[in-house]
Amino acid sequence: SGSVAEPAVKRFLTELAREELIVTVNGSKPIE
């Protein structure tokens, strides 16, 4: 389910942002 996958996906996206490999676009909230 999405509720099972969501925390892990969000943690990974946060880590990518922390390493400056991705950034948010179009006024979306910061990944951190």
PDB file of all heavy atoms in Angstrom:
ATOM      1  N   SER A   1       0.833  -1.206   0.000  1.00  0.00           N
ATOM      2  CA  SER A   1       0.000   0.000   0.000  1.00  0.00           C
ATOM      3  C   SER A   1       0.867   1.254   0.000  1.00  0.00           C
ATOM      4  O   SER A   1       2.044   1.219   0.371  1.00  0.00           O
ATOM      5  CB  SER A   1      -0.908   0.013   1.234  1.00  0.00           C
ATOM      6  OG  SER A   1      -0.123   0.235   2.395  1.00  0.00           O
ATOM      7  N   GLY A   2       0.262   2.345  -0.408  1.00  0.00           N
ATOM      8  CA  GLY A   2       0.962   3.626  -0.394  1.00  0.00           C
ATOM      9  C   GLY A   2       1.387   4.033   1.001  1.00  0.00           C
ATOM     10  O   GLY A   2       2.449   4.624   1.185  1.00  0.00           O
ATOM     11  N   SER A   3       0.597   3.685   2.006  1.00  0.00           N
ATOM     12  CA  SER A   3       0.951   4.064   3.375  1.00  0.00           C
ATOM     13  C   SER A   3       2.190   3.315   3.863  1.00  0.00           C
ATOM     14  O   SER A   3       2.908   3.802   4.732  1.00  0.00           O
ATOM     15  CB  SER A   3      -0.229   3.830   4.328  1.00  0.00           C
ATOM     16  OG  SER A   3      -0.565   2.460   4.365  1.00  0.00           O
ATOM     17  N   VAL A   4       2.447   2.142   3.291  1.00  0.00           N
ATOM     18  CA  VAL A   4       3.650   1.385   3.655  1.00  0.00           C
ATOM     19  C   VAL A   4       4.864   1.954   2.916  1.00  0.00           C
ATOM     20  O   VAL A   4       5.940   2.127   3.489  1.00  0.00           O
ATOM     21  CB  VAL A   4       3.476  -0.124   3.335  1.00  0.00           C
ATOM     22  CG1 VAL A   4       4.787  -0.872   3.464  1.00  0.00           C
ATOM     23  CG2 VAL A   4       2.416  -0.728   4.248  1.00  0.00           C
ATOM     24  N   ALA A   5       4.705   2.278   1.637  1.00  0.00           N
ATOM     25  CA  ALA A   5       5.821   2.765   0.821  1.00  0.00           C
ATOM     26  C   ALA A   5       6.169   4.227   1.084  1.00  0.00           C
ATOM     27  O   ALA A   5       7.332   4.619   0.980  1.00  0.00           O
ATOM     28  CB  ALA A   5       5.488   2.576  -0.663  1.00  0.00           C
ATOM     29  N   GLU A   6       5.184   5.022   1.438  1.00  0.00           N
ATOM     30  CA  GLU A   6       5.373   6.476   1.530  1.00  0.00           C
ATOM     31  C   GLU A   6       6.530   6.920   2.430  1.00  0.00           C
ATOM     32  O   GLU A   6       7.361   7.735   2.004  1.00  0.00           O
ATOM     33  CB  GLU A   6       4.077   7.147   1.980  1.00  0.00           C
ATOM     34  CG  GLU A   6       4.187   8.660   2.024  1.00  0.00           C
ATOM     35  CD  GLU A   6       2.875   9.300   2.417  1.00  0.00           C
ATOM     36  OE1 GLU A   6       2.102   8.701   3.200  1.00  0.00           O
ATOM     37  OE2 GLU A   6       2.630  10.422   1.940  1.00  0.00           O
ATOM     38  N   PRO A   7       6.653   6.433   3.664  1.00  0.00           N
ATOM     39  CA  PRO A   7       7.755   6.917   4.513  1.00  0.00           C
ATOM     40  C   PRO A   7       9.135   6.633   3.918  1.00  0.00           C
ATOM     41  O   PRO A   7      10.021   7.487   3.961  1.00  0.00           O
ATOM     42  CB  PRO A   7       7.562   6.171   5.827  1.00  0.00           C
ATOM     43  CG  PRO A   7       6.129   5.769   5.836  1.00  0.00           C
ATOM     44  CD  PRO A   7       5.775   5.529   4.402  1.00  0.00           C
ATOM     45  N   ALA A   8       9.315   5.452   3.340  1.00  0.00           N
ATOM     46  CA  ALA A   8      10.616   5.099   2.771  1.00  0.00           C
ATOM     47  C   ALA A   8      10.926   5.949   1.544  1.00  0.00           C
ATOM     48  O   ALA A   8      12.051   6.419   1.372  1.00  0.00           O
ATOM     49  CB  ALA A   8      10.654   3.614   2.414  1.00  0.00           C
ATOM     50  N   VAL A   9       9.935   6.154   0.687  1.00  0.00           N
ATOM     51  CA  VAL A   9      10.134   6.981  -0.512  1.00  0.00           C
ATOM     52  C   VAL A   9      10.460   8.411  -0.106  1.00  0.00           C
ATOM     53  O   VAL A   9      11.390   9.026  -0.642  1.00  0.00           O
ATOM     54  CB  VAL A   9       8.896   6.927  -1.437  1.00  0.00           C
ATOM     55  CG1 VAL A   9       9.013   7.940  -2.565  1.00  0.00           C
ATOM     56  CG2 VAL A   9       8.697   5.517  -1.987  1.00  0.00           C
ATOM     57  N   LYS A  10       9.740   8.946   0.853  1.00  0.00           N
ATOM     58  CA  LYS A  10       9.986  10.323   1.292  1.00  0.00           C
ATOM     59  C   LYS A  10      11.350  10.461   1.958  1.00  0.00           C
ATOM     60  O   LYS A  10      12.032  11.464   1.758  1.00  0.00           O
ATOM     61  CB  LYS A  10       8.865  10.808   2.207  1.00  0.00           C
ATOM     62  CG  LYS A  10       7.587  11.102   1.437  1.00  0.00           C
ATOM     63  CD  LYS A  10       6.516  11.677   2.332  1.00  0.00           C
ATOM     64  CE  LYS A  10       5.291  12.078   1.533  1.00  0.00           C
ATOM     65  NZ  LYS A  10       4.258  12.674   2.396  1.00  0.00           N
ATOM     66  N   ARG A  11      11.755   9.471   2.750  1.00  0.00           N
ATOM     67  CA  ARG A  11      13.089   9.525   3.355  1.00  0.00           C
ATOM     68  C   ARG A  11      14.160   9.535   2.273  1.00  0.00           C
ATOM     69  O   ARG A  11      15.144  10.276   2.351  1.00  0.00           O
ATOM     70  CB  ARG A  11      13.322   8.334   4.293  1.00  0.00           C
ATOM     71  CG  ARG A  11      12.790   8.510   5.683  1.00  0.00           C
ATOM     72  CD  ARG A  11      13.321   7.457   6.652  1.00  0.00           C
ATOM     73  NE  ARG A  11      13.065   6.090   6.215  1.00  0.00           N
ATOM     74  CZ  ARG A  11      11.936   5.418   6.445  1.00  0.00           C
ATOM     75  NH1 ARG A  11      10.959   6.006   7.095  1.00  0.00           N
ATOM     76  NH2 ARG A  11      11.790   4.182   6.025  1.00  0.00           N
ATOM     77  N   PHE A  12      13.969   8.716   1.244  1.00  0.00           N
ATOM     78  CA  PHE A  12      14.946   8.646   0.152  1.00  0.00           C
ATOM     79  C   PHE A  12      14.992   9.970  -0.618  1.00  0.00           C
ATOM     80  O   PHE A  12      16.082  10.473  -0.926  1.00  0.00           O
ATOM     81  CB  PHE A  12      14.607   7.482  -0.778  1.00  0.00           C
ATOM     82  CG  PHE A  12      15.611   7.298  -1.869  1.00  0.00           C
ATOM     83  CD1 PHE A  12      16.899   6.857  -1.576  1.00  0.00           C
ATOM     84  CD2 PHE A  12      15.290   7.571  -3.187  1.00  0.00           C
ATOM     85  CE1 PHE A  12      17.835   6.692  -2.593  1.00  0.00           C
ATOM     86  CE2 PHE A  12      16.220   7.404  -4.195  1.00  0.00           C
ATOM     87  CZ  PHE A  12      17.494   6.968  -3.900  1.00  0.00           C
ATOM     88  N   LEU A  13      13.846  10.551  -0.910  1.00  0.00           N
ATOM     89  CA  LEU A  13      13.819  11.847  -1.601  1.00  0.00           C
ATOM     90  C   LEU A  13      14.480  12.935  -0.760  1.00  0.00           C
ATOM     91  O   LEU A  13      15.191  13.800  -1.290  1.00  0.00           O
ATOM     92  CB  LEU A  13      12.380  12.238  -1.947  1.00  0.00           C
ATOM     93  CG  LEU A  13      11.702  11.371  -3.011  1.00  0.00           C
ATOM     94  CD1 LEU A  13      10.225  11.735  -3.124  1.00  0.00           C
ATOM     95  CD2 LEU A  13      12.406  11.503  -4.352  1.00  0.00           C
ATOM     96  N   THR A  14      14.279  12.870   0.537  1.00  0.00           N
ATOM     97  CA  THR A  14      14.933  13.819   1.442  1.00  0.00           C
ATOM     98  C   THR A  14      16.448  13.668   1.374  1.00  0.00           C
ATOM     99  O   THR A  14      17.182  14.653   1.338  1.00  0.00           O
ATOM    100  CB  THR A  14      14.435  13.616   2.888  1.00  0.00           C
ATOM    101  OG1 THR A  14      13.032  13.835   2.923  1.00  0.00           O
ATOM    102  CG2 THR A  14      15.131  14.561   3.853  1.00  0.00           C
ATOM    103  N   GLU A  15      16.902  12.422   1.341  1.00  0.00           N
ATOM    104  CA  GLU A  15      18.344  12.172   1.250  1.00  0.00           C
ATOM    105  C   GLU A  15      18.913  12.670  -0.078  1.00  0.00           C
ATOM    106  O   GLU A  15      19.987  13.275  -0.125  1.00  0.00           O
ATOM    107  CB  GLU A  15      18.623  10.680   1.423  1.00  0.00           C
ATOM    108  CG  GLU A  15      20.080  10.367   1.608  1.00  0.00           C
ATOM    109  CD  GLU A  15      20.332   8.903   1.951  1.00  0.00           C
ATOM    110  OE1 GLU A  15      19.386   8.086   1.933  1.00  0.00           O
ATOM    111  OE2 GLU A  15      21.489   8.582   2.246  1.00  0.00           O
ATOM    112  N   LEU A  16      18.189  12.464  -1.180  1.00  0.00           N
ATOM    113  CA  LEU A  16      18.631  12.982  -2.479  1.00  0.00           C
ATOM    114  C   LEU A  16      18.733  14.508  -2.450  1.00  0.00           C
ATOM    115  O   LEU A  16      19.684  15.085  -2.977  1.00  0.00           O
ATOM    116  CB  LEU A  16      17.663  12.550  -3.591  1.00  0.00           C
ATOM    117  CG  LEU A  16      17.636  11.075  -3.962  1.00  0.00           C
ATOM    118  CD1 LEU A  16      16.532  10.810  -4.993  1.00  0.00           C
ATOM    119  CD2 LEU A  16      18.985  10.608  -4.485  1.00  0.00           C
ATOM    120  N   ALA A  17      17.764  15.162  -1.825  1.00  0.00           N
ATOM    121  CA  ALA A  17      17.786  16.627  -1.720  1.00  0.00           C
ATOM    122  C   ALA A  17      18.942  17.094  -0.840  1.00  0.00           C
ATOM    123  O   ALA A  17      19.620  18.073  -1.151  1.00  0.00           O
ATOM    124  CB  ALA A  17      16.457  17.131  -1.157  1.00  0.00           C
ATOM    125  N   ARG A  18      19.183  16.393   0.262  1.00  0.00           N
ATOM    126  CA  ARG A  18      20.276  16.753   1.167  1.00  0.00           C
ATOM    127  C   ARG A  18      21.625  16.671   0.444  1.00  0.00           C
ATOM    128  O   ARG A  18      22.521  17.462   0.692  1.00  0.00           O
ATOM    129  CB  ARG A  18      20.266  15.830   2.380  1.00  0.00           C
ATOM    130  CG  ARG A  18      21.192  16.275   3.490  1.00  0.00           C
ATOM    131  CD  ARG A  18      21.107  15.384   4.734  1.00  0.00           C
ATOM    132  NE  ARG A  18      19.746  15.118   5.134  1.00  0.00           N
ATOM    133  CZ  ARG A  18      19.190  13.884   5.179  1.00  0.00           C
ATOM    134  NH1 ARG A  18      19.886  12.820   4.851  1.00  0.00           N
ATOM    135  NH2 ARG A  18      17.941  13.731   5.560  1.00  0.00           N
ATOM    136  N   GLU A  19      21.765  15.715  -0.466  1.00  0.00           N
ATOM    137  CA  GLU A  19      22.997  15.554  -1.231  1.00  0.00           C
ATOM    138  C   GLU A  19      23.031  16.450  -2.474  1.00  0.00           C
ATOM    139  O   GLU A  19      23.944  16.364  -3.283  1.00  0.00           O
ATOM    140  CB  GLU A  19      23.181  14.087  -1.639  1.00  0.00           C
ATOM    141  CG  GLU A  19      23.427  13.151  -0.486  1.00  0.00           C
ATOM    142  CD  GLU A  19      24.738  13.399   0.231  1.00  0.00           C
ATOM    143  OE1 GLU A  19      25.728  13.784  -0.433  1.00  0.00           O
ATOM    144  OE2 GLU A  19      24.785  13.213   1.462  1.00  0.00           O
ATOM    145  N   GLU A  20      21.999  17.292  -2.621  1.00  0.00           N
ATOM    146  CA  GLU A  20      21.877  18.237  -3.731  1.00  0.00           C
ATOM    147  C   GLU A  20      21.814  17.549  -5.089  1.00  0.00           C
ATOM    148  O   GLU A  20      22.324  18.041  -6.090  1.00  0.00           O
ATOM    149  CB  GLU A  20      23.006  19.278  -3.687  1.00  0.00           C
ATOM    150  CG  GLU A  20      23.003  20.087  -2.421  1.00  0.00           C
ATOM    151  CD  GLU A  20      24.172  21.048  -2.317  1.00  0.00           C
ATOM    152  OE1 GLU A  20      25.043  21.056  -3.206  1.00  0.00           O
ATOM    153  OE2 GLU A  20      24.198  21.792  -1.336  1.00  0.00           O
ATOM    154  N   LEU A  21      21.133  16.401  -5.127  1.00  0.00           N
ATOM    155  CA  LEU A  21      20.951  15.667  -6.374  1.00  0.00           C
ATOM    156  C   LEU A  21      19.601  15.970  -7.009  1.00  0.00           C
ATOM    157  O   LEU A  21      19.412  15.752  -8.197  1.00  0.00           O
ATOM    158  CB  LEU A  21      21.095  14.162  -6.141  1.00  0.00           C
ATOM    159  CG  LEU A  21      22.448  13.729  -5.570  1.00  0.00           C
ATOM    160  CD1 LEU A  21      22.468  12.231  -5.329  1.00  0.00           C
ATOM    161  CD2 LEU A  21      23.579  14.152  -6.486  1.00  0.00           C
ATOM    162  N   ILE A  22      18.649  16.458  -6.200  1.00  0.00           N
ATOM    163  CA  ILE A  22      17.358  16.909  -6.699  1.00  0.00           C
ATOM    164  C   ILE A  22      16.975  18.193  -5.979  1.00  0.00           C
ATOM    165  O   ILE A  22      17.482  18.468  -4.884  1.00  0.00           O
ATOM    166  CB  ILE A  22      16.245  15.848  -6.507  1.00  0.00           C
ATOM    167  CG1 ILE A  22      16.027  15.532  -5.020  1.00  0.00           C
ATOM    168  CG2 ILE A  22      16.551  14.588  -7.303  1.00  0.00           C
ATOM    169  CD1 ILE A  22      14.825  14.640  -4.750  1.00  0.00           C
ATOM    170  N   VAL A  23      16.109  18.962  -6.604  1.00  0.00           N
ATOM    171  CA  VAL A  23      15.566  20.176  -5.997  1.00  0.00           C
ATOM    172  C   VAL A  23      14.073  20.224  -6.299  1.00  0.00           C
ATOM    173  O   VAL A  23      13.595  19.608  -7.240  1.00  0.00           O
ATOM    174  CB  VAL A  23      16.242  21.462  -6.531  1.00  0.00           C
ATOM    175  CG1 VAL A  23      17.701  21.512  -6.141  1.00  0.00           C
ATOM    176  CG2 VAL A  23      16.071  21.582  -8.031  1.00  0.00           C
ATOM    177  N   THR A  24      13.347  20.979  -5.499  1.00  0.00           N
ATOM    178  CA  THR A  24      11.922  21.142  -5.746  1.00  0.00           C
ATOM    179  C   THR A  24      11.724  22.175  -6.854  1.00  0.00           C
ATOM    180  O   THR A  24      12.571  23.042  -7.070  1.00  0.00           O
ATOM    181  CB  THR A  24      11.189  21.605  -4.478  1.00  0.00           C
ATOM    182  OG1 THR A  24      11.791  22.806  -4.005  1.00  0.00           O
ATOM    183  CG2 THR A  24      11.257  20.546  -3.396  1.00  0.00           C
ATOM    184  N   VAL A  25      10.600  22.068  -7.544  1.00  0.00           N
ATOM    185  CA  VAL A  25      10.282  22.989  -8.632  1.00  0.00           C
ATOM    186  C   VAL A  25       8.845  23.459  -8.524  1.00  0.00           C
ATOM    187  O   VAL A  25       8.038  22.878  -7.810  1.00  0.00           O
ATOM    188  CB  VAL A  25      10.498  22.329 -10.017  1.00  0.00           C
ATOM    189  CG1 VAL A  25      11.964  22.028 -10.260  1.00  0.00           C
ATOM    190  CG2 VAL A  25       9.668  21.091 -10.180  1.00  0.00           C
ATOM    191  N   ASN A  26       8.568  24.528  -9.252  1.00  0.00           N
ATOM    192  CA  ASN A  26       7.195  25.049  -9.365  1.00  0.00           C
ATOM    193  C   ASN A  26       6.548  25.359  -8.023  1.00  0.00           C
ATOM    194  O   ASN A  26       5.366  25.093  -7.824  1.00  0.00           O
ATOM    195  CB  ASN A  26       6.311  24.076 -10.152  1.00  0.00           C
ATOM    196  CG  ASN A  26       6.816  23.874 -11.559  1.00  0.00           C
ATOM    197  OD1 ASN A  26       7.421  24.775 -12.138  1.00  0.00           O
ATOM    198  ND2 ASN A  26       6.585  22.703 -12.105  1.00  0.00           N
ATOM    199  N   GLY A  27       7.320  25.890  -7.089  1.00  0.00           N
ATOM    200  CA  GLY A  27       6.761  26.332  -5.821  1.00  0.00           C
ATOM    201  C   GLY A  27       6.339  25.227  -4.878  1.00  0.00           C
ATOM    202  O   GLY A  27       5.632  25.481  -3.916  1.00  0.00           O
ATOM    203  N   SER A  28       6.751  23.992  -5.120  1.00  0.00           N
ATOM    204  CA  SER A  28       6.385  22.920  -4.203  1.00  0.00           C
ATOM    205  C   SER A  28       7.157  23.077  -2.901  1.00  0.00           C
ATOM    206  O   SER A  28       8.174  23.742  -2.841  1.00  0.00           O
ATOM    207  CB  SER A  28       6.643  21.546  -4.834  1.00  0.00           C
ATOM    208  OG  SER A  28       7.973  21.430  -5.239  1.00  0.00           O
ATOM    209  N   LYS A  29       6.638  22.440  -1.851  1.00  0.00           N
ATOM    210  CA  LYS A  29       7.287  22.580  -0.552  1.00  0.00           C
ATOM    211  C   LYS A  29       8.649  21.886  -0.558  1.00  0.00           C
ATOM    212  O   LYS A  29       8.867  20.927  -1.305  1.00  0.00           O
ATOM    213  CB  LYS A  29       6.409  22.052   0.567  1.00  0.00           C
ATOM    214  CG  LYS A  29       6.087  20.593   0.486  1.00  0.00           C
ATOM    215  CD  LYS A  29       5.130  20.218   1.604  1.00  0.00           C
ATOM    216  CE  LYS A  29       4.641  18.799   1.404  1.00  0.00           C
ATOM    217  NZ  LYS A  29       3.665  18.424   2.405  1.00  0.00           N
ATOM    218  N   PRO A  30       9.583  22.371   0.252  1.00  0.00           N
ATOM    219  CA  PRO A  30      10.916  21.765   0.298  1.00  0.00           C
ATOM    220  C   PRO A  30      10.838  20.287   0.648  1.00  0.00           C
ATOM    221  O   PRO A  30      10.053  19.878   1.501  1.00  0.00           O
ATOM    222  CB  PRO A  30      11.630  22.543   1.408  1.00  0.00           C
ATOM    223  CG  PRO A  30      10.862  23.814   1.541  1.00  0.00           C
ATOM    224  CD  PRO A  30       9.445  23.494   1.163  1.00  0.00           C
ATOM    225  N   ILE A  31      11.658  19.495  -0.006  1.00  0.00           N
ATOM    226  CA  ILE A  31      11.645  18.051   0.214  1.00  0.00           C
ATOM    227  C   ILE A  31      12.037  17.711   1.641  1.00  0.00           C
ATOM    228  O   ILE A  31      11.530  16.761   2.217  1.00  0.00           O
ATOM    229  CB  ILE A  31      12.555  17.341  -0.805  1.00  0.00           C
ATOM    230  CG1 ILE A  31      11.903  17.441  -2.175  1.00  0.00           C
ATOM    231  CG2 ILE A  31      12.806  15.898  -0.433  1.00  0.00           C
ATOM    232  CD1 ILE A  31      12.672  16.846  -3.303  1.00  0.00           C
ATOM    233  N   GLU A  32      12.924  18.513   2.249  1.00  0.00           N
ATOM    234  CA  GLU A  32      13.351  18.221   3.616  1.00  0.00           C
ATOM    235  C   GLU A  32      12.169  18.171   4.569  1.00  0.00           C
ATOM    236  O   GLU A  32      12.223  17.530   5.599  1.00  0.00           O
ATOM    237  CB  GLU A  32      14.358  19.268   4.112  1.00  0.00           C
ATOM    238  CG  GLU A  32      15.700  19.181   3.438  1.00  0.00           C
ATOM    239  CD  GLU A  32      15.737  19.880   2.081  1.00  0.00           C
ATOM    240  OE1 GLU A  32      14.759  20.543   1.690  1.00  0.00           O
ATOM    241  OE2 GLU A  32      16.751  19.740   1.391  1.00  0.00           O
TER     242      GLU A  32
END
